[in-house]
PDB file of N, CA and C in Angstrom:
ATOM      1  N   UNK A   1      -8.028  -4.676 -36.713  1.00  0.00           N
ATOM      2  CA  UNK A   1      -7.777  -5.029 -35.323  1.00  0.00           C
ATOM      3  C   UNK A   1      -9.075  -5.461 -34.678  1.00  0.00           C
ATOM      4  N   UNK A   2      -9.016  -6.465 -33.847  1.00  0.00           N
ATOM      5  CA  UNK A   2     -10.191  -6.933 -33.104  1.00  0.00           C
ATOM      6  C   UNK A   2     -10.030  -6.558 -31.645  1.00  0.00           C
ATOM      7  N   UNK A   3     -11.123  -6.128 -31.052  1.00  0.00           N
ATOM      8  CA  UNK A   3     -11.091  -5.630 -29.687  1.00  0.00           C
ATOM      9  C   UNK A   3     -12.061  -6.411 -28.816  1.00  0.00           C
ATOM     10  N   UNK A   4     -11.656  -6.660 -27.596  1.00  0.00           N
ATOM     11  CA  UNK A   4     -12.522  -7.338 -26.633  1.00  0.00           C
ATOM     12  C   UNK A   4     -12.424  -6.620 -25.295  1.00  0.00           C
ATOM     13  N   UNK A   5     -13.535  -6.043 -24.900  1.00  0.00           N
ATOM     14  CA  UNK A   5     -13.589  -5.325 -23.631  1.00  0.00           C
ATOM     15  C   UNK A   5     -14.146  -6.215 -22.542  1.00  0.00           C
ATOM     16  N   UNK A   6     -13.621  -6.039 -21.338  1.00  0.00           N
ATOM     17  CA  UNK A   6     -14.135  -6.795 -20.200  1.00  0.00           C
ATOM     18  C   UNK A   6     -13.808  -6.047 -18.916  1.00  0.00           C
ATOM     19  N   UNK A   7     -14.344  -6.550 -17.821  1.00  0.00           N
ATOM     20  CA  UNK A   7     -14.071  -5.931 -16.528  1.00  0.00           C
ATOM     21  C   UNK A   7     -15.240  -5.178 -15.929  1.00  0.00           C
ATOM     22  N   UNK A   8     -16.350  -5.098 -16.643  1.00  0.00           N
ATOM     23  CA  UNK A   8     -17.512  -4.428 -16.085  1.00  0.00           C
ATOM     24  C   UNK A   8     -18.097  -5.213 -14.925  1.00  0.00           C
ATOM     25  N   UNK A   9     -19.044  -4.594 -14.258  1.00  0.00           N
ATOM     26  CA  UNK A   9     -19.688  -5.242 -13.134  1.00  0.00           C
ATOM     27  C   UNK A   9     -20.603  -4.291 -12.418  1.00  0.00           C
ATOM     28  N   UNK A  10     -21.051  -4.721 -11.258  1.00  0.00           N
ATOM     29  CA  UNK A  10     -21.947  -3.913 -10.436  1.00  0.00           C
ATOM     30  C   UNK A  10     -21.211  -3.461  -9.185  1.00  0.00           C
ATOM     31  N   UNK A  11     -21.266  -2.172  -8.934  1.00  0.00           N
ATOM     32  CA  UNK A  11     -20.609  -1.605  -7.756  1.00  0.00           C
ATOM     33  C   UNK A  11     -21.527  -0.576  -7.126  1.00  0.00           C
ATOM     34  N   UNK A  12     -21.236  -0.252  -5.901  1.00  0.00           N
ATOM     35  CA  UNK A  12     -21.963   0.822  -5.238  1.00  0.00           C
ATOM     36  C   UNK A  12     -21.306   2.159  -5.550  1.00  0.00           C
ATOM     37  N   UNK A  13     -22.071   3.200  -5.420  1.00  0.00           N
ATOM     38  CA  UNK A  13     -21.551   4.547  -5.643  1.00  0.00           C
ATOM     39  C   UNK A  13     -20.324   4.770  -4.770  1.00  0.00           C
ATOM     40  N   UNK A  14     -19.322   5.384  -5.370  1.00  0.00           N
ATOM     41  CA  UNK A  14     -18.064   5.607  -4.674  1.00  0.00           C
ATOM     42  C   UNK A  14     -17.040   4.514  -4.908  1.00  0.00           C
ATOM     43  N   UNK A  15     -17.472   3.426  -5.500  1.00  0.00           N
ATOM     44  CA  UNK A  15     -16.577   2.312  -5.756  1.00  0.00           C
ATOM     45  C   UNK A  15     -15.727   2.511  -6.999  1.00  0.00           C
ATOM     46  N   UNK A  16     -14.960   1.488  -7.320  1.00  0.00           N
ATOM     47  CA  UNK A  16     -14.024   1.542  -8.438  1.00  0.00           C
ATOM     48  C   UNK A  16     -14.143   0.299  -9.307  1.00  0.00           C
ATOM     49  N   UNK A  17     -13.812   0.471 -10.560  1.00  0.00           N
ATOM     50  CA  UNK A  17     -13.707  -0.638 -11.503  1.00  0.00           C
ATOM     51  C   UNK A  17     -12.568  -0.340 -12.462  1.00  0.00           C
ATOM     52  N   UNK A  18     -11.994  -1.387 -12.988  1.00  0.00           N
ATOM     53  CA  UNK A  18     -10.984  -1.231 -14.021  1.00  0.00           C
ATOM     54  C   UNK A  18     -11.433  -2.028 -15.233  1.00  0.00           C
ATOM     55  N   UNK A  19     -11.701  -1.321 -16.307  1.00  0.00           N
ATOM     56  CA  UNK A  19     -12.063  -1.962 -17.558  1.00  0.00           C
ATOM     57  C   UNK A  19     -10.796  -2.242 -18.358  1.00  0.00           C
ATOM     58  N   UNK A  20     -10.807  -3.350 -19.041  1.00  0.00           N
ATOM     59  CA  UNK A  20      -9.685  -3.727 -19.892  1.00  0.00           C
ATOM     60  C   UNK A  20     -10.187  -3.965 -21.304  1.00  0.00           C
ATOM     61  N   UNK A  21      -9.308  -3.732 -22.243  1.00  0.00           N
ATOM     62  CA  UNK A  21      -9.622  -3.983 -23.647  1.00  0.00           C
ATOM     63  C   UNK A  21      -8.415  -4.649 -24.273  1.00  0.00           C
ATOM     64  N   UNK A  22      -8.612  -5.865 -24.732  1.00  0.00           N
ATOM     65  CA  UNK A  22      -7.550  -6.615 -25.377  1.00  0.00           C
ATOM     66  C   UNK A  22      -7.673  -6.465 -26.887  1.00  0.00           C
ATOM     67  N   UNK A  23      -6.574  -6.162 -27.531  1.00  0.00           N
ATOM     68  CA  UNK A  23      -6.562  -5.961 -28.974  1.00  0.00           C
ATOM     69  C   UNK A  23      -5.728  -7.034 -29.652  1.00  0.00           C
ATOM     70  N   UNK A  24      -6.201  -7.473 -30.786  1.00  0.00           N
ATOM     71  CA  UNK A  24      -5.433  -8.423 -31.572  1.00  0.00           C
ATOM     72  C   UNK A  24      -4.625  -7.668 -32.613  1.00  0.00           C
ATOM     73  N   UNK A  25      -3.646  -8.317 -33.169  1.00  0.00           N
ATOM     74  CA  UNK A  25      -2.891  -7.705 -34.241  1.00  0.00           C
ATOM     75  C   UNK A  25      -1.564  -7.121 -33.779  1.00  0.00           C
ATOM     76  N   UNK A  26      -0.616  -7.137 -34.681  1.00  0.00           N
ATOM     77  CA  UNK A  26       0.731  -6.684 -34.327  1.00  0.00           C
ATOM     78  C   UNK A  26       0.903  -5.194 -34.466  1.00  0.00           C
ATOM     79  N   UNK A  27      -0.116  -4.495 -34.984  1.00  0.00           N
ATOM     80  CA  UNK A  27       0.024  -3.059 -35.208  1.00  0.00           C
ATOM     81  C   UNK A  27      -0.739  -2.244 -34.182  1.00  0.00           C
ATOM     82  N   UNK A  28      -1.021  -2.835 -33.049  1.00  0.00           N
ATOM     83  CA  UNK A  28      -1.807  -2.142 -32.025  1.00  0.00           C
ATOM     84  C   UNK A  28      -1.202  -0.797 -31.673  1.00  0.00           C
ATOM     85  N   UNK A  29       0.089  -0.719 -31.598  1.00  0.00           N
ATOM     86  CA  UNK A  29       0.742   0.516 -31.171  1.00  0.00           C
ATOM     87  C   UNK A  29       0.533   1.660 -32.157  1.00  0.00           C
ATOM     88  N   UNK A  30       0.022   1.380 -33.334  1.00  0.00           N
ATOM     89  CA  UNK A  30      -0.222   2.431 -34.324  1.00  0.00           C
ATOM     90  C   UNK A  30      -1.589   3.107 -34.138  1.00  0.00           C
ATOM     91  N   UNK A  31      -2.407   2.533 -33.275  1.00  0.00           N
ATOM     92  CA  UNK A  31      -3.775   2.999 -33.147  1.00  0.00           C
ATOM     93  C   UNK A  31      -3.977   3.881 -31.915  1.00  0.00           C
ATOM     94  N   UNK A  32      -4.739   4.933 -32.122  1.00  0.00           N
ATOM     95  CA  UNK A  32      -5.293   5.667 -30.993  1.00  0.00           C
ATOM     96  C   UNK A  32      -6.472   4.861 -30.463  1.00  0.00           C
ATOM     97  N   UNK A  33      -6.676   4.927 -29.160  1.00  0.00           N
ATOM     98  CA  UNK A  33      -7.728   4.136 -28.532  1.00  0.00           C
ATOM     99  C   UNK A  33      -8.690   5.035 -27.781  1.00  0.00           C
ATOM    100  N   UNK A  34      -9.915   4.604 -27.730  1.00  0.00           N
ATOM    101  CA  UNK A  34     -10.912   5.378 -27.004  1.00  0.00           C
ATOM    102  C   UNK A  34     -11.849   4.471 -26.238  1.00  0.00           C
ATOM    103  N   UNK A  35     -12.439   5.033 -25.207  1.00  0.00           N
ATOM    104  CA  UNK A  35     -13.514   4.391 -24.475  1.00  0.00           C
ATOM    105  C   UNK A  35     -14.774   5.249 -24.652  1.00  0.00           C
ATOM    106  N   UNK A  36     -15.845   4.599 -24.973  1.00  0.00           N
ATOM    107  CA  UNK A  36     -17.145   5.247 -25.110  1.00  0.00           C
ATOM    108  C   UNK A  36     -18.125   4.513 -24.203  1.00  0.00           C
ATOM    109  N   UNK A  37     -19.244   5.135 -23.972  1.00  0.00           N
ATOM    110  CA  UNK A  37     -20.282   4.466 -23.194  1.00  0.00           C
ATOM    111  C   UNK A  37     -21.658   4.847 -23.729  1.00  0.00           C
ATOM    112  N   UNK A  38     -22.596   3.956 -23.490  1.00  0.00           N
ATOM    113  CA  UNK A  38     -23.967   4.204 -23.910  1.00  0.00           C
ATOM    114  C   UNK A  38     -24.898   3.734 -22.813  1.00  0.00           C
ATOM    115  N   UNK A  39     -25.606   4.685 -22.252  1.00  0.00           N
ATOM    116  CA  UNK A  39     -26.594   4.378 -21.227  1.00  0.00           C
ATOM    117  C   UNK A  39     -27.922   4.058 -21.901  1.00  0.00           C
ATOM    118  N   UNK A  40     -28.777   3.309 -21.249  1.00  0.00           N
ATOM    119  CA  UNK A  40     -30.075   2.966 -21.847  1.00  0.00           C
ATOM    120  C   UNK A  40     -30.842   4.212 -22.272  1.00  0.00           C
ATOM    121  N   UNK A  41     -31.272   4.215 -23.509  1.00  0.00           N
ATOM    122  CA  UNK A  41     -32.060   5.324 -24.022  1.00  0.00           C
ATOM    123  C   UNK A  41     -31.280   6.565 -24.380  1.00  0.00           C
ATOM    124  N   UNK A  42     -29.950   6.469 -24.324  1.00  0.00           N
ATOM    125  CA  UNK A  42     -29.127   7.638 -24.620  1.00  0.00           C
ATOM    126  C   UNK A  42     -28.174   7.348 -25.766  1.00  0.00           C
ATOM    127  N   UNK A  43     -27.626   8.426 -26.316  1.00  0.00           N
ATOM    128  CA  UNK A  43     -26.644   8.295 -27.379  1.00  0.00           C
ATOM    129  C   UNK A  43     -25.311   7.802 -26.811  1.00  0.00           C
ATOM    130  N   UNK A  44     -24.546   7.162 -27.650  1.00  0.00           N
ATOM    131  CA  UNK A  44     -23.205   6.766 -27.247  1.00  0.00           C
ATOM    132  C   UNK A  44     -22.350   8.019 -27.095  1.00  0.00           C
ATOM    133  N   UNK A  45     -21.537   8.068 -26.069  1.00  0.00           N
ATOM    134  CA  UNK A  45     -20.729   9.253 -25.815  1.00  0.00           C
ATOM    135  C   UNK A  45     -19.274   8.881 -25.536  1.00  0.00           C
ATOM    136  N   UNK A  46     -18.418   9.793 -25.894  1.00  0.00           N
ATOM    137  CA  UNK A  46     -16.996   9.649 -25.630  1.00  0.00           C
ATOM    138  C   UNK A  46     -16.738   9.756 -24.134  1.00  0.00           C
ATOM    139  N   UNK A  47     -15.830   8.920 -23.633  1.00  0.00           N
ATOM    140  CA  UNK A  47     -15.440   8.965 -22.232  1.00  0.00           C
ATOM    141  C   UNK A  47     -13.971   9.355 -22.096  1.00  0.00           C
ATOM    142  N   UNK A  48     -13.094   8.666 -22.808  1.00  0.00           N
ATOM    143  CA  UNK A  48     -11.661   8.929 -22.694  1.00  0.00           C
ATOM    144  C   UNK A  48     -10.961   8.424 -23.943  1.00  0.00           C
ATOM    145  N   UNK A  49      -9.842   9.053 -24.264  1.00  0.00           N
ATOM    146  CA  UNK A  49      -9.057   8.628 -25.410  1.00  0.00           C
ATOM    147  C   UNK A  49      -7.578   8.769 -25.127  1.00  0.00           C
ATOM    148  N   UNK A  50      -6.786   7.990 -25.838  1.00  0.00           N
ATOM    149  CA  UNK A  50      -5.334   8.005 -25.639  1.00  0.00           C
ATOM    150  C   UNK A  50      -4.657   7.812 -26.987  1.00  0.00           C
ATOM    151  N   UNK A  51      -3.572   8.529 -27.197  1.00  0.00           N
ATOM    152  CA  UNK A  51      -2.884   8.406 -28.480  1.00  0.00           C
ATOM    153  C   UNK A  51      -2.016   7.144 -28.492  1.00  0.00           C
ATOM    154  N   UNK A  52      -1.348   6.907 -29.610  1.00  0.00           N
ATOM    155  CA  UNK A  52      -0.641   5.649 -29.789  1.00  0.00           C
ATOM    156  C   UNK A  52       0.463   5.437 -28.759  1.00  0.00           C
ATOM    157  N   UNK A  53       1.107   6.513 -28.340  1.00  0.00           N
ATOM    158  CA  UNK A  53       2.238   6.374 -27.422  1.00  0.00           C
ATOM    159  C   UNK A  53       1.829   6.525 -25.959  1.00  0.00           C
ATOM    160  N   UNK A  54       0.624   6.970 -25.723  1.00  0.00           N
ATOM    161  CA  UNK A  54       0.156   7.106 -24.350  1.00  0.00           C
ATOM    162  C   UNK A  54       0.455   8.428 -23.700  1.00  0.00           C
ATOM    163  N   UNK A  55       1.033   9.369 -24.427  1.00  0.00           N
ATOM    164  CA  UNK A  55       1.384  10.644 -23.799  1.00  0.00           C
ATOM    165  C   UNK A  55       0.355  11.736 -24.032  1.00  0.00           C
ATOM    166  N   UNK A  56      -0.695  11.427 -24.752  1.00  0.00           N
ATOM    167  CA  UNK A  56      -1.795  12.372 -24.937  1.00  0.00           C
ATOM    168  C   UNK A  56      -3.096  11.665 -24.553  1.00  0.00           C
ATOM    169  N   UNK A  57      -3.805  12.269 -23.629  1.00  0.00           N
ATOM    170  CA  UNK A  57      -5.085  11.707 -23.210  1.00  0.00           C
ATOM    171  C   UNK A  57      -6.157  12.786 -23.192  1.00  0.00           C
ATOM    172  N   UNK A  58      -7.376  12.371 -23.421  1.00  0.00           N
ATOM    173  CA  UNK A  58      -8.528  13.261 -23.364  1.00  0.00           C
ATOM    174  C   UNK A  58      -9.614  12.587 -22.523  1.00  0.00           C
ATOM    175  N   UNK A  59     -10.390  13.423 -21.865  1.00  0.00           N
ATOM    176  CA  UNK A  59     -11.499  12.918 -21.048  1.00  0.00           C
ATOM    177  C   UNK A  59     -12.712  13.810 -21.235  1.00  0.00           C
ATOM    178  N   UNK A  60     -13.872  13.197 -21.172  1.00  0.00           N
ATOM    179  CA  UNK A  60     -15.060  14.008 -21.093  1.00  0.00           C
ATOM    180  C   UNK A  60     -15.083  14.686 -19.720  1.00  0.00           C
ATOM    181  N   UNK A  61     -15.774  15.789 -19.614  1.00  0.00           N
ATOM    182  CA  UNK A  61     -15.732  16.563 -18.369  1.00  0.00           C
ATOM    183  C   UNK A  61     -16.148  15.733 -17.157  1.00  0.00           C
ATOM    184  N   UNK A  62     -17.135  14.884 -17.331  1.00  0.00           N
ATOM    185  CA  UNK A  62     -17.634  14.120 -16.190  1.00  0.00           C
ATOM    186  C   UNK A  62     -16.653  13.062 -15.712  1.00  0.00           C
ATOM    187  N   UNK A  63     -15.675  12.732 -16.547  1.00  0.00           N
ATOM    188  CA  UNK A  63     -14.689  11.708 -16.191  1.00  0.00           C
ATOM    189  C   UNK A  63     -13.395  12.297 -15.633  1.00  0.00           C
ATOM    190  N   UNK A  64     -13.180  13.544 -15.864  1.00  0.00           N
ATOM    191  CA  UNK A  64     -11.930  14.170 -15.420  1.00  0.00           C
ATOM    192  C   UNK A  64     -11.795  14.088 -13.903  1.00  0.00           C
ATOM    193  N   UNK A  65     -10.620  13.661 -13.473  1.00  0.00           N
ATOM    194  CA  UNK A  65     -10.352  13.542 -12.052  1.00  0.00           C
ATOM    195  C   UNK A  65     -10.812  12.234 -11.438  1.00  0.00           C
ATOM    196  N   UNK A  66     -11.622  11.477 -12.161  1.00  0.00           N
ATOM    197  CA  UNK A  66     -12.126  10.200 -11.638  1.00  0.00           C
ATOM    198  C   UNK A  66     -11.658   9.003 -12.464  1.00  0.00           C
ATOM    199  N   UNK A  67     -11.549   9.180 -13.772  1.00  0.00           N
ATOM    200  CA  UNK A  67     -11.179   8.082 -14.662  1.00  0.00           C
ATOM    201  C   UNK A  67      -9.772   8.297 -15.194  1.00  0.00           C
ATOM    202  N   UNK A  68      -9.088   7.207 -15.463  1.00  0.00           N
ATOM    203  CA  UNK A  68      -7.762   7.267 -16.064  1.00  0.00           C
ATOM    204  C   UNK A  68      -7.673   6.237 -17.176  1.00  0.00           C
ATOM    205  N   UNK A  69      -7.309   6.698 -18.358  1.00  0.00           N
ATOM    206  CA  UNK A  69      -7.081   5.788 -19.466  1.00  0.00           C
ATOM    207  C   UNK A  69      -5.585   5.544 -19.586  1.00  0.00           C
ATOM    208  N   UNK A  70      -5.217   4.309 -19.870  1.00  0.00           N
ATOM    209  CA  UNK A  70      -3.806   3.967 -20.032  1.00  0.00           C
ATOM    210  C   UNK A  70      -3.693   2.828 -21.033  1.00  0.00           C
ATOM    211  N   UNK A  71      -2.494   2.583 -21.483  1.00  0.00           N
ATOM    212  CA  UNK A  71      -2.290   1.499 -22.442  1.00  0.00           C
ATOM    213  C   UNK A  71      -0.941   0.848 -22.214  1.00  0.00           C
ATOM    214  N   UNK A  72      -0.857  -0.405 -22.616  1.00  0.00           N
ATOM    215  CA  UNK A  72       0.385  -1.156 -22.572  1.00  0.00           C
ATOM    216  C   UNK A  72       0.570  -1.762 -23.954  1.00  0.00           C
ATOM    217  N   UNK A  73       1.358  -1.119 -24.768  1.00  0.00           N
ATOM    218  CA  UNK A  73       1.515  -1.571 -26.146  1.00  0.00           C
ATOM    219  C   UNK A  73       2.200  -2.934 -26.234  1.00  0.00           C
ATOM    220  N   UNK A  74       3.021  -3.251 -25.255  1.00  0.00           N
ATOM    221  CA  UNK A  74       3.680  -4.555 -25.267  1.00  0.00           C
ATOM    222  C   UNK A  74       2.683  -5.690 -25.062  1.00  0.00           C
ATOM    223  N   UNK A  75       1.585  -5.394 -24.394  1.00  0.00           N
ATOM    224  CA  UNK A  75       0.562  -6.409 -24.128  1.00  0.00           C
ATOM    225  C   UNK A  75      -0.675  -6.237 -24.993  1.00  0.00           C
ATOM    226  N   UNK A  76      -0.686  -5.235 -25.858  1.00  0.00           N
ATOM    227  CA  UNK A  76      -1.866  -4.950 -26.687  1.00  0.00           C
ATOM    228  C   UNK A  76      -3.104  -4.702 -25.823  1.00  0.00           C
ATOM    229  N   UNK A  77      -2.930  -3.910 -24.791  1.00  0.00           N
ATOM    230  CA  UNK A  77      -4.019  -3.670 -23.863  1.00  0.00           C
ATOM    231  C   UNK A  77      -4.239  -2.176 -23.658  1.00  0.00           C
ATOM    232  N   UNK A  78      -5.501  -1.814 -23.443  1.00  0.00           N
ATOM    233  CA  UNK A  78      -5.846  -0.474 -23.013  1.00  0.00           C
ATOM    234  C   UNK A  78      -6.786  -0.619 -21.824  1.00  0.00           C
ATOM    235  N   UNK A  79      -6.670   0.302 -20.892  1.00  0.00           N
ATOM    236  CA  UNK A  79      -7.411   0.204 -19.642  1.00  0.00           C
ATOM    237  C   UNK A  79      -8.180   1.490 -19.371  1.00  0.00           C
ATOM    238  N   UNK A  80      -9.247   1.352 -18.615  1.00  0.00           N
ATOM    239  CA  UNK A  80      -9.961   2.509 -18.089  1.00  0.00           C
ATOM    240  C   UNK A  80     -10.185   2.249 -16.605  1.00  0.00           C
ATOM    241  N   UNK A  81      -9.454   2.963 -15.784  1.00  0.00           N
ATOM    242  CA  UNK A  81      -9.612   2.862 -14.342  1.00  0.00           C
ATOM    243  C   UNK A  81     -10.615   3.907 -13.900  1.00  0.00           C
ATOM    244  N   UNK A  82     -11.662   3.447 -13.259  1.00  0.00           N
ATOM    245  CA  UNK A  82     -12.754   4.338 -12.877  1.00  0.00           C
ATOM    246  C   UNK A  82     -12.895   4.352 -11.356  1.00  0.00           C
ATOM    247  N   UNK A  83     -12.726   5.517 -10.787  1.00  0.00           N
ATOM    248  CA  UNK A  83     -12.860   5.698  -9.340  1.00  0.00           C
ATOM    249  C   UNK A  83     -14.037   6.617  -9.041  1.00  0.00           C
ATOM    250  N   UNK A  84     -14.455   6.604  -7.796  1.00  0.00           N
ATOM    251  CA  UNK A  84     -15.557   7.471  -7.350  1.00  0.00           C
ATOM    252  C   UNK A  84     -16.753   7.353  -8.272  1.00  0.00           C
ATOM    253  N   UNK A  85     -17.127   6.150  -8.572  1.00  0.00           N
ATOM    254  CA  UNK A  85     -18.211   5.916  -9.527  1.00  0.00           C
ATOM    255  C   UNK A  85     -19.532   6.450  -9.005  1.00  0.00           C
ATOM    256  N   UNK A  86     -20.333   6.920  -9.945  1.00  0.00           N
ATOM    257  CA  UNK A  86     -21.639   7.503  -9.649  1.00  0.00           C
ATOM    258  C   UNK A  86     -22.716   6.726 -10.400  1.00  0.00           C
ATOM    259  N   UNK A  87     -23.938   6.759  -9.918  1.00  0.00           N
ATOM    260  CA  UNK A  87     -25.014   6.068 -10.645  1.00  0.00           C
ATOM    261  C   UNK A  87     -25.124   6.512 -12.102  1.00  0.00           C
ATOM    262  N   UNK A  88     -24.808   7.749 -12.393  1.00  0.00           N
ATOM    263  CA  UNK A  88     -24.888   8.225 -13.775  1.00  0.00           C
ATOM    264  C   UNK A  88     -23.783   7.669 -14.669  1.00  0.00           C
ATOM    265  N   UNK A  89     -22.825   6.955 -14.098  1.00  0.00           N
ATOM    266  CA  UNK A  89     -21.820   6.263 -14.903  1.00  0.00           C
ATOM    267  C   UNK A  89     -22.326   4.917 -15.424  1.00  0.00           C
ATOM    268  N   UNK A  90     -23.501   4.522 -14.996  1.00  0.00           N
ATOM    269  CA  UNK A  90     -24.080   3.259 -15.444  1.00  0.00           C
ATOM    270  C   UNK A  90     -24.292   3.278 -16.951  1.00  0.00           C
ATOM    271  N   UNK A  91     -23.703   2.302 -17.634  1.00  0.00           N
ATOM    272  CA  UNK A  91     -23.769   2.249 -19.090  1.00  0.00           C
ATOM    273  C   UNK A  91     -23.047   1.000 -19.573  1.00  0.00           C
ATOM    274  N   UNK A  92     -23.214   0.738 -20.847  1.00  0.00           N
ATOM    275  CA  UNK A  92     -22.348  -0.224 -21.521  1.00  0.00           C
ATOM    276  C   UNK A  92     -21.125   0.531 -22.016  1.00  0.00           C
ATOM    277  N   UNK A  93     -19.961   0.027 -21.723  1.00  0.00           N
ATOM    278  CA  UNK A  93     -18.710   0.692 -22.089  1.00  0.00           C
ATOM    279  C   UNK A  93     -18.050  -0.062 -23.234  1.00  0.00           C
ATOM    280  N   UNK A  94     -17.590   0.697 -24.220  1.00  0.00           N
ATOM    281  CA  UNK A  94     -16.989   0.135 -25.418  1.00  0.00           C
ATOM    282  C   UNK A  94     -15.591   0.689 -25.618  1.00  0.00           C
ATOM    283  N   UNK A  95     -14.672  -0.169 -26.035  1.00  0.00           N
ATOM    284  CA  UNK A  95     -13.379   0.344 -26.463  1.00  0.00           C
ATOM    285  C   UNK A  95     -13.370   0.406 -27.986  1.00  0.00           C
ATOM    286  N   UNK A  96     -12.568   1.315 -28.496  1.00  0.00           N
ATOM    287  CA  UNK A  96     -12.536   1.557 -29.928  1.00  0.00           C
ATOM    288  C   UNK A  96     -11.131   1.944 -30.354  1.00  0.00           C
ATOM    289  N   UNK A  97     -10.827   1.726 -31.612  1.00  0.00           N
ATOM    290  CA  UNK A  97      -9.499   2.018 -32.143  1.00  0.00           C
ATOM    291  C   UNK A  97      -9.630   2.766 -33.457  1.00  0.00           C
ATOM    292  N   UNK A  98      -8.670   3.627 -33.697  1.00  0.00           N
ATOM    293  CA  UNK A  98      -8.605   4.310 -35.000  1.00  0.00           C
ATOM    294  C   UNK A  98      -7.150   4.572 -35.327  1.00  0.00           C
ATOM    295  N   UNK A  99      -6.852   4.534 -36.598  1.00  0.00           N
ATOM    296  CA  UNK A  99      -5.519   4.925 -37.042  1.00  0.00           C
ATOM    297  C   UNK A  99      -5.492   6.446 -37.111  1.00  0.00           C
ATOM    298  N   UNK A 100      -4.378   7.022 -36.740  1.00  0.00           N
ATOM    299  CA  UNK A 100      -4.285   8.472 -36.740  1.00  0.00           C
ATOM    300  C   UNK A 100      -4.420   9.046 -35.348  1.00  0.00           C
ATOM    301  N   UNK A 101      -4.778  10.291 -35.298  1.00  0.00           N
ATOM    302  CA  UNK A 101      -4.813  11.017 -34.032  1.00  0.00           C
ATOM    303  C   UNK A 101      -5.969  10.554 -33.146  1.00  0.00           C
ATOM    304  N   UNK A 102      -5.768  10.681 -31.853  1.00  0.00           N
ATOM    305  CA  UNK A 102      -6.844  10.377 -30.926  1.00  0.00           C
ATOM    306  C   UNK A 102      -7.917  11.448 -31.078  1.00  0.00           C
ATOM    307  N   UNK A 103      -9.170  11.019 -31.060  1.00  0.00           N
ATOM    308  CA  UNK A 103     -10.285  11.926 -31.255  1.00  0.00           C
ATOM    309  C   UNK A 103     -11.288  11.782 -30.134  1.00  0.00           C
ATOM    310  N   UNK A 104     -12.029  12.836 -29.909  1.00  0.00           N
ATOM    311  CA  UNK A 104     -13.029  12.837 -28.847  1.00  0.00           C
ATOM    312  C   UNK A 104     -14.442  12.670 -29.388  1.00  0.00           C
ATOM    313  N   UNK A 105     -14.535  12.301 -30.643  1.00  0.00           N
ATOM    314  CA  UNK A 105     -15.835  12.079 -31.253  1.00  0.00           C
ATOM    315  C   UNK A 105     -15.852  10.685 -31.867  1.00  0.00           C
ATOM    316  N   UNK A 106     -17.017  10.269 -32.262  1.00  0.00           N
ATOM    317  CA  UNK A 106     -17.237   8.911 -32.732  1.00  0.00           C
ATOM    318  C   UNK A 106     -16.777   8.749 -34.172  1.00  0.00           C
ATOM    319  N   UNK A 107     -15.454   8.738 -34.361  1.00  0.00           N
ATOM    320  CA  UNK A 107     -14.887   8.525 -35.695  1.00  0.00           C
ATOM    321  C   UNK A 107     -13.896   7.369 -35.646  1.00  0.00           C
ATOM    322  N   UNK A 108     -14.162   6.418 -34.781  1.00  0.00           N
ATOM    323  CA  UNK A 108     -13.287   5.279 -34.633  1.00  0.00           C
ATOM    324  C   UNK A 108     -13.662   4.174 -35.607  1.00  0.00           C
ATOM    325  N   UNK A 109     -12.657   3.407 -36.001  1.00  0.00           N
ATOM    326  CA  UNK A 109     -12.837   2.427 -37.063  1.00  0.00           C
ATOM    327  C   UNK A 109     -13.202   1.043 -36.551  1.00  0.00           C
ATOM    328  N   UNK A 110     -12.724   0.707 -35.389  1.00  0.00           N
ATOM    329  CA  UNK A 110     -12.907  -0.642 -34.858  1.00  0.00           C
ATOM    330  C   UNK A 110     -13.503  -0.548 -33.463  1.00  0.00           C
ATOM    331  N   UNK A 111     -14.408  -1.469 -33.188  1.00  0.00           N
ATOM    332  CA  UNK A 111     -15.123  -1.448 -31.919  1.00  0.00           C
ATOM    333  C   UNK A 111     -15.144  -2.827 -31.288  1.00  0.00           C
ATOM    334  N   UNK A 112     -15.036  -2.836 -29.975  1.00  0.00           N
ATOM    335  CA  UNK A 112     -15.230  -4.072 -29.243  1.00  0.00           C
ATOM    336  C   UNK A 112     -16.681  -4.191 -28.808  1.00  0.00           C
ATOM    337  N   UNK A 113     -17.027  -5.321 -28.241  1.00  0.00           N
ATOM    338  CA  UNK A 113     -18.366  -5.472 -27.686  1.00  0.00           C
ATOM    339  C   UNK A 113     -18.412  -4.715 -26.362  1.00  0.00           C
ATOM    340  N   UNK A 114     -19.557  -4.365 -25.910  1.00  0.00           N
ATOM    341  CA  UNK A 114     -19.665  -3.598 -24.681  1.00  0.00           C
ATOM    342  C   UNK A 114     -19.484  -4.450 -23.445  1.00  0.00           C
ATOM    343  N   UNK A 115     -19.057  -3.787 -22.396  1.00  0.00           N
ATOM    344  CA  UNK A 115     -19.027  -4.424 -21.079  1.00  0.00           C
ATOM    345  C   UNK A 115     -19.843  -3.539 -20.148  1.00  0.00           C
ATOM    346  N   UNK A 116     -20.755  -4.142 -19.434  1.00  0.00           N
ATOM    347  CA  UNK A 116     -21.739  -3.373 -18.668  1.00  0.00           C
ATOM    348  C   UNK A 116     -21.202  -2.948 -17.304  1.00  0.00           C
ATOM    349  N   UNK A 117     -21.460  -1.701 -16.999  1.00  0.00           N
ATOM    350  CA  UNK A 117     -21.131  -1.149 -15.684  1.00  0.00           C
ATOM    351  C   UNK A 117     -22.426  -0.659 -15.048  1.00  0.00           C
ATOM    352  N   UNK A 118     -22.694  -1.119 -13.845  1.00  0.00           N
ATOM    353  CA  UNK A 118     -23.882  -0.692 -13.105  1.00  0.00           C
ATOM    354  C   UNK A 118     -23.432  -0.149 -11.756  1.00  0.00           C
ATOM    355  N   UNK A 119     -23.816   1.090 -11.495  1.00  0.00           N
ATOM    356  CA  UNK A 119     -23.454   1.731 -10.241  1.00  0.00           C
ATOM    357  C   UNK A 119     -24.733   2.024  -9.471  1.00  0.00           C
ATOM    358  N   UNK A 120     -24.840   1.461  -8.306  1.00  0.00           N
ATOM    359  CA  UNK A 120     -26.042   1.641  -7.492  1.00  0.00           C
ATOM    360  C   UNK A 120     -25.793   2.677  -6.400  1.00  0.00           C
ATOM    361  N   UNK A 121     -26.860   3.362  -6.073  1.00  0.00           N
ATOM    362  CA  UNK A 121     -26.731   4.425  -5.056  1.00  0.00           C
ATOM    363  C   UNK A 121     -26.940   3.877  -3.658  1.00  0.00           C
TER     364      UNK A 121
END
């Protein structure tokens, strides 16, 4: 599967962004999807994940209550809606796919290119 993430940008603290990830292939619905991010000088970290059907989601603690991951299998799309953004959310955001269960660690098989999010104070 090929993934393409987009929707990043620059916002002020407290603002919102919606990241999108378009997936190719007819078997998209078989994959668990995840969003990760990597800030300059830091390790890549898990942000949110969703299982193939969309009824199981996971979030890192800092994203809980502010971010929402969702998917539309009919459109081969996964989304990350980010509200109440903080400067510490500044990073390159990546979508990823794996066959099997959704995971909160970096064990995904396919990765999209990053889309940059910058949050200013």
